[in-house]
N, C-alpha and C. Protein backbone atom coordinates (compact mmCIF):
# COMPACT_ATOMS: atom_id res chain seq x y z
N MET A 1 72.93 121.44 99.58
CA MET A 1 71.91 122.41 99.56
C MET A 1 72.29 123.77 99.30
N GLU A 2 73.64 124.19 99.60
CA GLU A 2 74.52 125.93 99.70
C GLU A 2 74.58 125.41 98.20
N LEU A 3 74.74 124.48 97.62
CA LEU A 3 74.94 124.43 96.19
C LEU A 3 74.27 124.58 95.55
N TYR A 4 73.24 124.20 95.52
CA TYR A 4 72.14 124.63 94.71
C TYR A 4 71.57 125.87 95.29
N TYR A 5 71.54 126.59 96.63
CA TYR A 5 71.15 127.70 96.25
C TYR A 5 72.38 128.70 95.72
N GLY A 6 73.54 128.54 95.79
CA GLY A 6 73.99 129.53 94.89
C GLY A 6 74.28 129.38 93.44
N ALA A 7 73.63 128.39 92.83
CA ALA A 7 73.35 127.86 91.23
C ALA A 7 71.94 129.24 90.45
N TYR A 8 70.80 128.88 91.69
CA TYR A 8 69.84 129.32 91.73
C TYR A 8 69.55 130.86 91.89
N LYS A 9 70.79 131.59 92.59
CA LYS A 9 70.93 132.70 93.10
C LYS A 9 71.84 133.32 91.75
N SER A 10 72.43 132.15 90.79
CA SER A 10 73.48 133.56 90.00
C SER A 10 72.77 133.53 88.32
N GLN A 11 73.86 134.11 87.76
CA GLN A 11 73.17 135.00 86.48
C GLN A 11 73.11 133.33 85.46
N LYS A 12 74.11 132.25 86.08
CA LYS A 12 73.86 131.62 85.40
C LYS A 12 73.29 129.80 85.98
N VAL A 13 72.08 129.78 85.65
CA VAL A 13 71.18 128.58 86.84
C VAL A 13 71.65 127.36 85.80
N THR A 14 71.40 127.78 84.60
CA THR A 14 71.45 126.36 84.15
C THR A 14 72.19 125.80 84.47
N GLY A 15 73.94 126.35 83.62
CA GLY A 15 74.91 125.71 83.75
C GLY A 15 75.29 125.36 84.97
N ASN A 16 75.32 126.34 85.91
CA ASN A 16 75.88 125.62 87.62
C ASN A 16 75.05 124.70 87.83
N LEU A 17 73.35 124.11 87.44
CA LEU A 17 72.41 123.52 88.42
C LEU A 17 73.57 121.74 87.28
N ALA A 18 74.02 122.54 86.24
CA ALA A 18 74.61 120.98 85.24
C ALA A 18 76.10 120.74 86.25
N LYS A 19 77.05 121.70 86.23
CA LYS A 19 78.33 121.47 86.76
C LYS A 19 77.59 120.74 87.97
N ILE A 20 76.56 121.03 88.86
CA ILE A 20 76.50 120.30 90.19
C ILE A 20 75.89 119.17 90.19
N LYS A 21 74.95 118.50 89.13
CA LYS A 21 75.07 117.10 88.37
C LYS A 21 75.52 116.74 88.45
N MET A 22 77.05 116.59 87.46
CA MET A 22 78.24 116.21 87.17
C MET A 22 78.50 116.05 88.50
N LEU A 23 78.90 117.00 89.28
CA LEU A 23 79.57 116.52 91.23
C LEU A 23 79.22 115.25 91.39
N GLU A 24 77.58 115.51 91.88
CA GLU A 24 77.03 114.54 92.61
C GLU A 24 77.41 113.21 91.88
N GLN A 25 77.31 112.93 90.24
CA GLN A 25 77.64 111.70 90.44
C GLN A 25 79.44 111.12 90.37
N SER A 26 80.24 111.61 90.49
CA SER A 26 81.43 111.89 91.42
C SER A 26 82.10 111.22 93.00
N ILE A 27 80.74 111.57 93.14
CA ILE A 27 81.20 111.86 94.53
C ILE A 27 80.17 111.10 95.43
N GLU A 28 80.66 110.80 97.02
CA GLU A 28 79.43 109.93 97.64
C GLU A 28 78.84 111.27 98.23
N MET A 29 77.56 111.56 98.02
CA MET A 29 76.63 112.54 98.90
C MET A 29 76.59 111.35 100.28
N ILE A 30 76.63 112.52 101.67
CA ILE A 30 77.01 111.62 103.22
C ILE A 30 75.46 112.61 103.45
N PRO A 31 74.47 111.51 103.84
CA PRO A 31 73.32 111.83 104.32
C PRO A 31 73.28 112.52 106.14
N LEU A 32 72.75 114.01 106.48
CA LEU A 32 72.56 113.89 107.05
C LEU A 32 71.65 113.71 108.55
N GLY A 33 72.13 112.50 109.56
CA GLY A 33 71.56 111.42 109.88
C GLY A 33 70.86 112.39 111.25
N GLN A 34 71.17 111.41 112.20
CA GLN A 34 70.15 111.94 114.09
C GLN A 34 72.12 112.03 114.36
N GLU A 35 73.02 111.57 114.16
CA GLU A 35 74.60 111.78 115.20
C GLU A 35 75.22 113.03 114.77
N SER A 36 74.36 113.77 113.29
CA SER A 36 75.02 115.07 112.58
C SER A 36 74.52 115.83 113.39
N ALA A 37 72.88 115.79 113.33
CA ALA A 37 71.85 116.91 113.58
C ALA A 37 72.06 117.08 115.39
N GLU A 38 72.47 115.91 116.31
CA GLU A 38 73.00 115.85 117.63
C GLU A 38 74.11 117.03 117.32
N ILE A 39 74.70 117.01 117.02
CA ILE A 39 76.05 117.77 116.80
C ILE A 39 75.77 119.33 116.26
N PHE A 40 75.25 119.04 115.42
CA PHE A 40 74.96 120.14 114.70
C PHE A 40 73.58 121.07 115.87
N GLY A 41 72.90 120.99 117.35
CA GLY A 41 72.70 121.77 118.16
C GLY A 41 73.66 121.92 119.00
N MET A 42 74.17 120.69 119.26
CA MET A 42 75.64 120.89 120.86
C MET A 42 76.34 122.07 119.68
N LEU A 43 77.47 122.34 118.87
CA LEU A 43 77.91 123.43 118.68
C LEU A 43 77.21 124.41 118.40
N LYS A 44 76.13 124.21 117.96
CA LYS A 44 75.36 125.90 118.07
C LYS A 44 75.06 126.15 118.81
N ALA A 45 74.68 125.56 120.03
CA ALA A 45 74.24 125.93 121.17
C ALA A 45 75.75 126.58 122.49
N GLN A 46 76.72 125.45 121.25
CA GLN A 46 77.67 126.13 122.09
C GLN A 46 78.02 127.22 122.03
N LEU A 47 78.63 127.19 120.77
CA LEU A 47 78.75 129.19 119.58
C LEU A 47 78.09 130.20 120.37
N GLU A 48 76.98 129.95 120.67
CA GLU A 48 76.10 130.95 120.75
C GLU A 48 75.93 131.57 122.11
N ILE A 49 76.58 131.16 122.89
CA ILE A 49 76.99 130.56 124.53
C ILE A 49 77.90 131.89 124.27
N GLN A 50 79.48 131.65 123.72
CA GLN A 50 80.70 132.32 123.53
C GLN A 50 80.63 133.13 122.72
N GLY A 51 78.99 133.31 122.42
CA GLY A 51 79.10 134.68 121.74
C GLY A 51 79.50 134.60 120.33
N ASN A 52 79.49 133.69 120.03
CA ASN A 52 80.01 132.91 117.97
C ASN A 52 78.41 132.64 117.23
N ARG A 53 78.73 132.64 116.09
CA ARG A 53 77.65 132.18 114.80
C ARG A 53 78.86 131.23 114.08
N LEU A 54 77.83 130.76 113.49
CA LEU A 54 78.66 129.63 112.00
C LEU A 54 77.31 130.02 111.31
N ASP A 55 77.31 130.28 110.06
CA ASP A 55 76.22 130.23 109.35
C ASP A 55 75.27 128.35 109.24
N ASP A 56 74.36 128.61 109.15
CA ASP A 56 74.03 127.15 109.76
C ASP A 56 73.70 126.32 108.40
N PHE A 57 74.27 126.22 106.92
CA PHE A 57 75.05 125.87 106.00
C PHE A 57 76.33 125.50 107.02
N ASP A 58 77.17 125.94 106.99
CA ASP A 58 78.20 125.87 107.76
C ASP A 58 78.20 125.12 108.39
N LEU A 59 77.82 125.26 109.56
CA LEU A 59 77.41 124.07 110.88
C LEU A 59 77.00 123.23 110.17
N ALA A 60 76.28 122.62 109.18
CA ALA A 60 75.31 121.80 108.74
C ALA A 60 76.32 120.91 108.50
N ILE A 61 77.23 121.22 107.34
CA ILE A 61 78.26 120.98 107.11
C ILE A 61 79.76 120.04 107.65
N ALA A 62 79.65 120.86 108.89
CA ALA A 62 80.89 120.63 109.85
C ALA A 62 80.38 119.89 110.53
N SER A 63 79.14 119.32 110.53
CA SER A 63 78.64 119.11 112.06
C SER A 63 78.80 116.89 111.44
N SER A 64 78.38 117.22 109.73
CA SER A 64 78.51 116.11 109.09
C SER A 64 79.75 115.29 109.07
N ALA A 65 80.50 116.46 109.20
CA ALA A 65 82.28 116.04 108.30
C ALA A 65 82.35 114.96 110.09
N LEU A 66 82.14 115.57 111.20
CA LEU A 66 82.63 115.46 112.38
C LEU A 66 81.72 114.13 112.82
N ALA A 67 80.43 113.79 112.47
CA ALA A 67 79.94 112.57 112.85
C ALA A 67 80.28 111.70 112.62
N HIS A 68 80.60 111.85 110.67
CA HIS A 68 81.28 110.52 110.12
C HIS A 68 83.07 110.65 109.76
N ASN A 69 84.18 111.36 110.92
CA ASN A 69 85.33 111.50 111.30
C ASN A 69 85.67 111.69 110.03
N LEU A 70 85.47 112.17 108.83
CA LEU A 70 86.19 113.04 108.26
C LEU A 70 86.69 113.66 107.95
N THR A 71 87.82 114.13 106.81
CA THR A 71 87.78 116.22 106.65
C THR A 71 87.39 116.96 106.16
N LEU A 72 87.21 117.88 106.12
CA LEU A 72 86.29 119.28 105.13
C LEU A 72 87.39 119.56 104.86
N VAL A 73 87.20 119.90 104.19
CA VAL A 73 88.32 120.55 102.34
C VAL A 73 87.20 121.82 102.32
N THR A 74 87.89 123.40 102.05
CA THR A 74 87.05 123.84 101.47
C THR A 74 88.23 125.55 101.31
N ASN A 75 87.68 126.74 100.43
CA ASN A 75 88.07 127.17 100.19
C ASN A 75 87.64 128.70 100.58
N ASN A 76 86.94 127.78 102.11
CA ASN A 76 86.33 129.41 102.25
C ASN A 76 86.61 128.95 103.84
N ALA A 77 87.76 129.23 104.41
CA ALA A 77 88.87 129.40 105.83
C ALA A 77 87.97 130.22 106.35
N GLU A 78 88.01 131.46 106.08
CA GLU A 78 87.13 132.40 106.78
C GLU A 78 86.57 132.32 107.50
N HIS A 79 85.26 130.91 107.50
CA HIS A 79 83.43 130.81 108.09
C HIS A 79 83.83 129.09 109.26
N PHE A 80 85.21 129.12 109.09
CA PHE A 80 85.21 127.90 110.32
C PHE A 80 86.63 128.21 111.20
N ILE A 81 87.58 129.54 110.37
CA ILE A 81 88.39 129.69 111.45
C ILE A 81 87.70 130.22 112.71
N ASN A 82 88.84 129.81 114.01
CA ASN A 82 88.41 129.84 115.03
C ASN A 82 87.22 129.56 116.22
N LYS A 83 86.70 128.70 115.32
CA LYS A 83 85.58 127.55 115.86
C LYS A 83 86.27 126.62 116.67
N ARG A 84 86.40 126.25 117.63
CA ARG A 84 87.12 125.49 118.69
C ARG A 84 86.84 124.13 118.38
N PHE A 85 85.30 124.03 117.78
CA PHE A 85 85.65 122.81 116.97
C PHE A 85 86.21 122.24 116.62
N ILE A 86 86.84 122.77 115.57
CA ILE A 86 87.05 122.32 114.61
C ILE A 86 88.67 122.78 114.31
N ASN A 87 89.24 122.00 113.80
CA ASN A 87 91.04 122.06 114.08
C ASN A 87 91.06 122.41 112.28
N CYS A 88 91.98 122.83 112.52
CA CYS A 88 92.27 123.35 110.14
C CYS A 88 94.38 123.05 110.07
N CYS A 89 93.89 122.78 109.06
CA CYS A 89 95.53 122.01 108.44
C CYS A 89 95.54 123.04 106.56
N PRO A 90 96.30 123.84 106.57
CA PRO A 90 96.44 124.16 105.10
C PRO A 90 96.92 122.91 104.35
N THR A 91 96.07 123.19 103.18
CA THR A 91 96.51 122.22 102.22
C THR A 91 97.01 122.76 100.96
N SER A 92 97.19 124.21 101.01
CA SER A 92 97.41 124.80 100.28
C SER A 92 97.29 125.95 99.95
N ARG A 93 97.87 126.62 99.34
CA ARG A 93 97.39 128.45 99.02
C ARG A 93 96.51 128.71 98.91
N HIS A 94 95.51 128.20 98.01
CA HIS A 94 93.49 128.45 97.95
C HIS A 94 92.28 127.32 98.84
N LYS A 95 93.43 126.84 99.37
CA LYS A 95 91.69 125.37 100.34
C LYS A 95 92.62 124.72 102.02
N THR A 96 91.72 125.06 102.81
CA THR A 96 92.03 124.37 103.99
C THR A 96 91.14 123.27 104.62
N THR A 97 92.08 122.60 105.08
CA THR A 97 91.34 120.97 105.45
C THR A 97 91.02 121.17 106.94
N TYR A 98 89.70 120.96 107.76
CA TYR A 98 89.82 120.96 109.32
C TYR A 98 89.11 119.51 109.23
N THR A 99 89.55 118.94 110.47
CA THR A 99 89.15 117.89 111.39
C THR A 99 88.86 117.74 112.87
N LYS A 100 88.60 117.11 113.47
CA LYS A 100 88.35 117.19 114.61
C LYS A 100 89.67 116.70 115.64
N THR A 101 90.86 116.39 115.17
CA THR A 101 91.97 116.78 115.88
C THR A 101 93.13 117.73 115.01
N LYS A 102 94.25 116.94 116.04
CA LYS A 102 95.05 117.87 115.52
C LYS A 102 95.54 117.82 113.99
N CYS A 103 96.21 117.94 113.48
CA CYS A 103 96.93 117.63 112.47
C CYS A 103 98.70 117.38 112.59
């Protein structure tokens, strides 16, 4: 969702859409299922009660990773830092890995 959004608002829509299509062929897409939806709702409510917010796209990605017990690797560490439901493990100078448990 977020990749398509970025492609359609970019200056190079056709080229970026082609890159997304290539990426989709090289990775397994994980659907947002019932468990992801429940985690999303729980986390969004908890964050708002705590006075925090997280973009819905980022929260959906994190919820899906948590539901499937997967590691989330991102170049947007600032979107996830200080969110108590997820811990971060630096993997390189430019990427950060997030998991449910401490690394």
